[in-house]
Amino acid sequence: MTLYGHNQSLYREVGEWVDAGQVIAAAGSTGDAPQAGVYFEIRHNGEPDDPLRWCVPSGRASITGAPRKPKR
């Protein structure tokens, strides 16, 4: 599951599946954010996980694959 925060506008519904390249929100500065930006979080088995473990070298997120091991 992924979480996105500090959005100015949301273009998708909670629980909706999205495809690579789809716009899901417009960045904003809600809450305590001092400037516009995106808060991004991945949860695996209900716990926060390092998003870099799920990224492939192209910089796109892997939705169907297992997380890759972090480089040491």
Protein backbone atom coordinates (compact mmCIF):
# COMPACT_ATOMS: atom_id res chain seq x y z
CA MET A 1 0.00 0.00 0.00
CA THR A 2 1.22 3.52 -0.74
CA LEU A 3 0.36 6.77 1.02
CA TYR A 4 0.64 10.26 -0.42
CA GLY A 5 0.25 13.35 1.73
CA HIS A 6 0.25 17.16 1.66
CA ASN A 7 -1.79 17.12 -1.56
CA GLN A 8 -3.57 20.21 -2.85
CA SER A 9 -5.97 18.13 -4.96
CA LEU A 10 -6.70 14.39 -5.16
CA TYR A 11 -7.52 12.80 -8.51
CA ARG A 12 -8.05 9.20 -7.36
CA GLU A 13 -10.16 7.51 -4.70
CA VAL A 14 -8.77 5.63 -1.69
CA GLY A 15 -8.22 1.99 -2.68
CA GLU A 16 -8.33 2.69 -6.42
CA TRP A 17 -5.71 0.90 -8.53
CA VAL A 18 -3.53 3.15 -10.67
CA ASP A 19 -1.26 2.53 -13.62
CA ALA A 20 2.26 3.85 -14.10
CA GLY A 21 2.18 7.42 -15.31
CA GLN A 22 -1.32 8.23 -14.03
CA VAL A 23 -1.64 11.53 -12.19
CA ILE A 24 -2.95 10.85 -8.70
CA ALA A 25 -2.71 14.25 -7.00
CA ALA A 26 -1.40 17.79 -7.15
CA ALA A 27 1.32 18.58 -4.60
CA GLY A 28 0.39 21.02 -1.88
CA SER A 29 1.51 22.31 1.50
CA THR A 30 -1.17 21.05 3.87
CA GLY A 31 -0.61 20.32 7.54
CA ASP A 32 2.77 21.43 8.88
CA ALA A 33 4.50 21.38 5.49
CA PRO A 34 6.38 24.70 5.04
CA GLN A 35 6.28 24.47 1.24
CA ALA A 36 4.60 22.45 -1.49
CA GLY A 37 5.86 18.90 -1.79
CA VAL A 38 4.82 15.27 -1.75
CA TYR A 39 4.83 12.94 1.24
CA PHE A 40 5.23 9.37 -0.01
CA GLU A 41 5.16 6.22 2.10
CA ILE A 42 5.06 2.51 1.32
CA ARG A 43 3.57 0.10 3.83
CA HIS A 44 4.37 -3.60 3.59
CA ASN A 45 2.49 -5.98 5.88
CA GLY A 46 1.05 -2.93 7.64
CA GLU A 47 4.42 -1.41 8.54
CA PRO A 48 6.26 1.54 6.92
CA ASP A 49 8.99 0.34 4.56
CA ASP A 50 11.88 2.03 2.76
CA PRO A 51 10.50 3.12 -0.66
CA LEU A 52 13.92 2.61 -2.26
CA ARG A 53 13.56 -1.14 -1.67
CA TRP A 54 10.60 -1.11 -4.09
CA CYS A 55 12.14 1.05 -6.81
CA VAL A 56 13.70 -0.41 -9.91
CA PRO A 57 16.75 1.25 -11.54
CA SER A 58 14.52 3.17 -13.98
CA GLY A 59 13.15 5.08 -10.98
CA ARG A 60 9.63 3.68 -11.38
CA ALA A 61 7.91 1.81 -8.58
CA SER A 62 7.47 -1.94 -8.81
CA ILE A 63 3.83 -2.72 -8.09
CA THR A 64 3.68 -6.41 -8.92
CA GLY A 65 7.17 -7.55 -8.01
CA ALA A 66 8.81 -8.27 -4.71
CA PRO A 67 10.92 -5.55 -3.14
CA ARG A 68 14.51 -5.46 -4.27
CA LYS A 69 17.28 -5.71 -1.73
CA PRO A 70 18.95 -2.40 -0.82
CA LYS A 71 22.48 -1.83 -2.12
CA ARG A 72 25.15 -1.89 0.55
